[in-house]
Amino acid sequence: MFNSKQRSNLRSIAQTIEPITQVGKLGVNDSLIESLDKAIEKRELIKITVLENSGLIPKEAGIEIAGKLGGELVCATGRKIVIYRRSSNPKADHIEF
């Protein structure tokens, strides 16, 4: 769980990054989780767009995705969600709090 200062720091970093994928009408499926797992391992912080035709509420989709990835939902603003998980790779550029 983040405190408000950590969450604020992650949100400010997330404003500068582009969404890496979209959740469409197939919803949250295994192939999506697999690709997001690889991306979050490299980046630690990912942004995802939830399309309206998915039928999902962005915050609920974010909680589901974060749970499956072992990460944490940072924020859900509009149709965008931001998820954080610390990388297990020791050579990765870790986000400092």
N, C-alpha and C. Protein backbone atom coordinates (compact mmCIF):
# COMPACT_ATOMS: atom_id res chain seq x y z
N MET A 1 0.85 -1.18 0.00
CA MET A 1 0.00 0.00 0.00
C MET A 1 0.89 1.24 0.00
N PHE A 2 0.50 2.22 -0.75
CA PHE A 2 1.26 3.46 -0.86
C PHE A 2 0.71 4.50 0.12
N ASN A 3 1.60 5.37 0.57
CA ASN A 3 1.09 6.54 1.28
C ASN A 3 0.78 7.60 0.23
N SER A 4 0.21 8.71 0.63
CA SER A 4 -0.25 9.70 -0.35
C SER A 4 0.91 10.34 -1.12
N LYS A 5 2.05 10.51 -0.47
CA LYS A 5 3.20 11.11 -1.15
C LYS A 5 3.75 10.17 -2.23
N GLN A 6 3.81 8.88 -1.94
CA GLN A 6 4.29 7.90 -2.92
C GLN A 6 3.32 7.82 -4.10
N ARG A 7 2.04 7.78 -3.80
CA ARG A 7 1.03 7.72 -4.86
C ARG A 7 1.10 8.97 -5.74
N SER A 8 1.29 10.12 -5.12
CA SER A 8 1.41 11.37 -5.87
C SER A 8 2.64 11.35 -6.78
N ASN A 9 3.74 10.82 -6.28
CA ASN A 9 4.97 10.70 -7.07
C ASN A 9 4.74 9.79 -8.28
N LEU A 10 4.10 8.66 -8.07
CA LEU A 10 3.83 7.73 -9.17
C LEU A 10 2.87 8.34 -10.19
N ARG A 11 1.88 9.06 -9.71
CA ARG A 11 0.94 9.72 -10.63
C ARG A 11 1.64 10.76 -11.49
N SER A 12 2.57 11.50 -10.91
CA SER A 12 3.28 12.52 -11.69
C SER A 12 4.18 11.87 -12.73
N ILE A 13 4.79 10.75 -12.40
CA ILE A 13 5.60 10.02 -13.38
C ILE A 13 4.70 9.47 -14.49
N ALA A 14 3.53 8.97 -14.11
CA ALA A 14 2.60 8.37 -15.08
C ALA A 14 2.07 9.38 -16.08
N GLN A 15 2.04 10.65 -15.72
CA GLN A 15 1.54 11.66 -16.64
C GLN A 15 2.44 11.81 -17.86
N THR A 16 3.69 11.43 -17.74
CA THR A 16 4.64 11.59 -18.84
C THR A 16 4.74 10.37 -19.73
N ILE A 17 4.10 9.27 -19.35
CA ILE A 17 4.20 8.05 -20.17
C ILE A 17 2.93 7.83 -20.97
N GLU A 18 3.07 7.13 -22.08
CA GLU A 18 1.93 6.79 -22.94
C GLU A 18 1.37 5.42 -22.54
N PRO A 19 0.08 5.19 -22.76
CA PRO A 19 -0.48 3.87 -22.51
C PRO A 19 0.20 2.81 -23.39
N ILE A 20 0.47 1.65 -22.82
CA ILE A 20 1.16 0.61 -23.58
C ILE A 20 0.19 -0.34 -24.28
N THR A 21 -1.04 -0.41 -23.82
CA THR A 21 -2.03 -1.29 -24.44
C THR A 21 -3.43 -0.82 -24.09
N GLN A 22 -4.41 -1.55 -24.66
CA GLN A 22 -5.81 -1.23 -24.42
C GLN A 22 -6.54 -2.49 -23.99
N VAL A 23 -7.53 -2.32 -23.12
CA VAL A 23 -8.42 -3.42 -22.77
C VAL A 23 -9.66 -3.22 -23.62
N GLY A 24 -9.92 -4.16 -24.51
CA GLY A 24 -11.03 -4.05 -25.44
C GLY A 24 -12.18 -4.96 -25.07
N LYS A 25 -12.95 -5.36 -26.08
CA LYS A 25 -14.15 -6.14 -25.81
C LYS A 25 -13.85 -7.56 -25.34
N LEU A 26 -12.62 -8.04 -25.50
CA LEU A 26 -12.25 -9.35 -24.95
C LEU A 26 -12.02 -9.28 -23.45
N GLY A 27 -11.90 -8.07 -22.92
CA GLY A 27 -11.74 -7.89 -21.48
C GLY A 27 -10.34 -8.26 -21.01
N VAL A 28 -10.26 -8.64 -19.76
CA VAL A 28 -8.99 -9.02 -19.15
C VAL A 28 -8.81 -10.52 -19.35
N ASN A 29 -7.97 -10.88 -20.33
CA ASN A 29 -7.75 -12.30 -20.61
C ASN A 29 -6.29 -12.68 -20.34
N ASP A 30 -5.98 -13.96 -20.48
CA ASP A 30 -4.65 -14.46 -20.15
C ASP A 30 -3.55 -13.86 -21.02
N SER A 31 -3.82 -13.67 -22.31
CA SER A 31 -2.78 -13.12 -23.18
C SER A 31 -2.48 -11.67 -22.82
N LEU A 32 -3.49 -10.91 -22.42
CA LEU A 32 -3.28 -9.53 -21.98
C LEU A 32 -2.42 -9.51 -20.72
N ILE A 33 -2.74 -10.36 -19.76
CA ILE A 33 -1.99 -10.41 -18.51
C ILE A 33 -0.55 -10.83 -18.76
N GLU A 34 -0.35 -11.76 -19.67
CA GLU A 34 1.00 -12.22 -20.01
C GLU A 34 1.84 -11.08 -20.59
N SER A 35 1.27 -10.33 -21.52
CA SER A 35 2.02 -9.22 -22.12
C SER A 35 2.26 -8.09 -21.11
N LEU A 36 1.28 -7.83 -20.25
CA LEU A 36 1.45 -6.80 -19.24
C LEU A 36 2.49 -7.20 -18.20
N ASP A 37 2.57 -8.49 -17.89
CA ASP A 37 3.56 -8.98 -16.94
C ASP A 37 4.97 -8.71 -17.44
N LYS A 38 5.20 -8.94 -18.73
CA LYS A 38 6.52 -8.67 -19.31
C LYS A 38 6.82 -7.17 -19.30
N ALA A 39 5.82 -6.37 -19.61
CA ALA A 39 6.02 -4.92 -19.67
C ALA A 39 6.27 -4.33 -18.29
N ILE A 40 5.53 -4.78 -17.30
CA ILE A 40 5.68 -4.21 -15.96
C ILE A 40 7.00 -4.65 -15.33
N GLU A 41 7.51 -5.79 -15.74
CA GLU A 41 8.81 -6.24 -15.24
C GLU A 41 9.93 -5.32 -15.74
N LYS A 42 9.78 -4.80 -16.95
CA LYS A 42 10.79 -3.90 -17.51
C LYS A 42 10.63 -2.47 -17.01
N ARG A 43 9.38 -2.00 -16.88
CA ARG A 43 9.11 -0.58 -16.64
C ARG A 43 8.73 -0.23 -15.21
N GLU A 44 8.17 -1.16 -14.48
CA GLU A 44 7.64 -0.98 -13.12
C GLU A 44 6.34 -0.19 -13.07
N LEU A 45 6.15 0.73 -13.98
CA LEU A 45 4.94 1.56 -13.98
C LEU A 45 4.36 1.53 -15.39
N ILE A 46 3.11 1.09 -15.50
CA ILE A 46 2.48 1.01 -16.82
C ILE A 46 1.14 1.73 -16.79
N LYS A 47 0.79 2.25 -17.96
CA LYS A 47 -0.50 2.92 -18.15
C LYS A 47 -1.28 2.14 -19.20
N ILE A 48 -2.56 1.93 -18.93
CA ILE A 48 -3.42 1.14 -19.80
C ILE A 48 -4.71 1.92 -20.06
N THR A 49 -5.20 1.85 -21.29
CA THR A 49 -6.48 2.46 -21.64
C THR A 49 -7.56 1.39 -21.63
N VAL A 50 -8.69 1.68 -20.99
CA VAL A 50 -9.84 0.78 -20.99
C VAL A 50 -10.86 1.35 -21.96
N LEU A 51 -11.08 0.66 -23.07
CA LEU A 51 -12.01 1.13 -24.08
C LEU A 51 -13.45 1.00 -23.60
N GLU A 52 -14.32 1.87 -24.10
CA GLU A 52 -15.72 1.83 -23.70
C GLU A 52 -16.41 0.55 -24.14
N ASN A 53 -16.00 -0.01 -25.29
CA ASN A 53 -16.66 -1.24 -25.76
C ASN A 53 -16.27 -2.47 -24.96
N SER A 54 -15.36 -2.31 -23.99
CA SER A 54 -14.98 -3.45 -23.15
C SER A 54 -16.09 -3.79 -22.16
N GLY A 55 -16.92 -2.80 -21.82
CA GLY A 55 -17.99 -3.03 -20.87
C GLY A 55 -17.49 -3.05 -19.43
N LEU A 56 -16.22 -2.70 -19.21
CA LEU A 56 -15.64 -2.72 -17.88
C LEU A 56 -15.55 -1.30 -17.31
N ILE A 57 -15.67 -1.20 -16.02
CA ILE A 57 -15.42 0.05 -15.33
C ILE A 57 -13.91 0.11 -15.09
N PRO A 58 -13.24 1.20 -15.49
CA PRO A 58 -11.78 1.26 -15.42
C PRO A 58 -11.19 0.91 -14.06
N LYS A 59 -11.77 1.41 -12.97
CA LYS A 59 -11.22 1.12 -11.65
C LYS A 59 -11.30 -0.36 -11.33
N GLU A 60 -12.42 -1.00 -11.67
CA GLU A 60 -12.58 -2.43 -11.42
C GLU A 60 -11.62 -3.24 -12.28
N ALA A 61 -11.44 -2.83 -13.53
CA ALA A 61 -10.49 -3.51 -14.41
C ALA A 61 -9.07 -3.36 -13.86
N GLY A 62 -8.75 -2.17 -13.35
CA GLY A 62 -7.43 -1.93 -12.77
C GLY A 62 -7.16 -2.79 -11.56
N ILE A 63 -8.15 -2.95 -10.71
CA ILE A 63 -8.00 -3.79 -9.52
C ILE A 63 -7.80 -5.24 -9.93
N GLU A 64 -8.55 -5.69 -10.93
CA GLU A 64 -8.43 -7.07 -11.42
C GLU A 64 -7.05 -7.31 -12.04
N ILE A 65 -6.60 -6.39 -12.89
CA ILE A 65 -5.30 -6.53 -13.55
C ILE A 65 -4.18 -6.48 -12.52
N ALA A 66 -4.25 -5.53 -11.60
CA ALA A 66 -3.20 -5.42 -10.57
C ALA A 66 -3.13 -6.68 -9.72
N GLY A 67 -4.28 -7.25 -9.40
CA GLY A 67 -4.31 -8.49 -8.62
C GLY A 67 -3.65 -9.64 -9.35
N LYS A 68 -3.94 -9.76 -10.64
CA LYS A 68 -3.36 -10.85 -11.44
C LYS A 68 -1.87 -10.66 -11.68
N LEU A 69 -1.42 -9.40 -11.70
CA LEU A 69 0.00 -9.12 -11.92
C LEU A 69 0.80 -9.10 -10.63
N GLY A 70 0.12 -9.08 -9.50
CA GLY A 70 0.82 -8.97 -8.22
C GLY A 70 1.31 -7.55 -7.98
N GLY A 71 0.65 -6.58 -8.61
CA GLY A 71 1.01 -5.18 -8.47
C GLY A 71 -0.04 -4.43 -7.70
N GLU A 72 0.01 -3.11 -7.83
CA GLU A 72 -0.97 -2.28 -7.14
C GLU A 72 -1.49 -1.19 -8.07
N LEU A 73 -2.78 -0.96 -8.02
CA LEU A 73 -3.41 0.10 -8.79
C LEU A 73 -3.01 1.43 -8.18
N VAL A 74 -2.38 2.28 -8.99
CA VAL A 74 -1.98 3.61 -8.53
C VAL A 74 -3.15 4.56 -8.66
N CYS A 75 -3.78 4.59 -9.84
CA CYS A 75 -4.93 5.46 -10.04
C CYS A 75 -5.72 5.00 -11.26
N ALA A 76 -6.96 5.41 -11.28
CA ALA A 76 -7.83 5.21 -12.43
C ALA A 76 -8.47 6.56 -12.71
N THR A 77 -8.01 7.21 -13.77
CA THR A 77 -8.50 8.54 -14.13
C THR A 77 -9.13 8.46 -15.50
N GLY A 78 -10.42 8.74 -15.56
CA GLY A 78 -11.12 8.62 -16.84
C GLY A 78 -11.10 7.17 -17.30
N ARG A 79 -10.59 6.93 -18.51
CA ARG A 79 -10.50 5.57 -19.06
C ARG A 79 -9.08 5.01 -18.95
N LYS A 80 -8.21 5.70 -18.23
CA LYS A 80 -6.81 5.27 -18.08
C LYS A 80 -6.58 4.73 -16.68
N ILE A 81 -5.79 3.66 -16.61
CA ILE A 81 -5.39 3.12 -15.32
C ILE A 81 -3.87 3.02 -15.28
N VAL A 82 -3.33 3.17 -14.09
CA VAL A 82 -1.89 3.10 -13.89
C VAL A 82 -1.62 2.04 -12.83
N ILE A 83 -0.68 1.13 -13.14
CA ILE A 83 -0.35 0.03 -12.24
C ILE A 83 1.15 0.02 -11.98
N TYR A 84 1.52 -0.26 -10.73
CA TYR A 84 2.92 -0.32 -10.33
C TYR A 84 3.23 -1.69 -9.73
N ARG A 85 4.39 -2.21 -10.08
CA ARG A 85 4.95 -3.39 -9.43
C ARG A 85 6.46 -3.28 -9.49
N ARG A 86 7.13 -3.42 -8.37
CA ARG A 86 8.59 -3.34 -8.35
C ARG A 86 9.17 -4.50 -9.14
N SER A 87 10.13 -4.20 -9.99
CA SER A 87 10.78 -5.20 -10.83
C SER A 87 11.70 -6.07 -9.99
N SER A 88 11.74 -7.36 -10.30
CA SER A 88 12.64 -8.26 -9.60
C SER A 88 14.02 -8.29 -10.25
N ASN A 89 14.17 -7.60 -11.38
CA ASN A 89 15.45 -7.54 -12.08
C ASN A 89 16.37 -6.54 -11.36
N PRO A 90 17.52 -7.00 -10.85
CA PRO A 90 18.40 -6.08 -10.13
C PRO A 90 19.04 -5.00 -11.01
N LYS A 91 19.07 -5.21 -12.32
CA LYS A 91 19.66 -4.24 -13.24
C LYS A 91 18.66 -3.20 -13.74
N ALA A 92 17.41 -3.35 -13.40
CA ALA A 92 16.37 -2.43 -13.86
C ALA A 92 16.51 -1.09 -13.15
N ASP A 93 16.04 -0.04 -13.82
CA ASP A 93 16.00 1.28 -13.20
C ASP A 93 14.76 1.33 -12.31
N HIS A 94 14.99 1.23 -11.00
CA HIS A 94 13.87 1.21 -10.07
C HIS A 94 13.40 2.62 -9.77
N ILE A 95 12.10 2.75 -9.57
CA ILE A 95 11.52 4.03 -9.19
C ILE A 95 11.77 4.21 -7.69
N GLU A 96 12.38 5.32 -7.36
CA GLU A 96 12.69 5.61 -5.95
C GLU A 96 11.59 6.48 -5.34
N PHE A 97 11.27 6.20 -4.11
CA PHE A 97 10.23 6.95 -3.40
C PHE A 97 10.85 7.91 -2.43
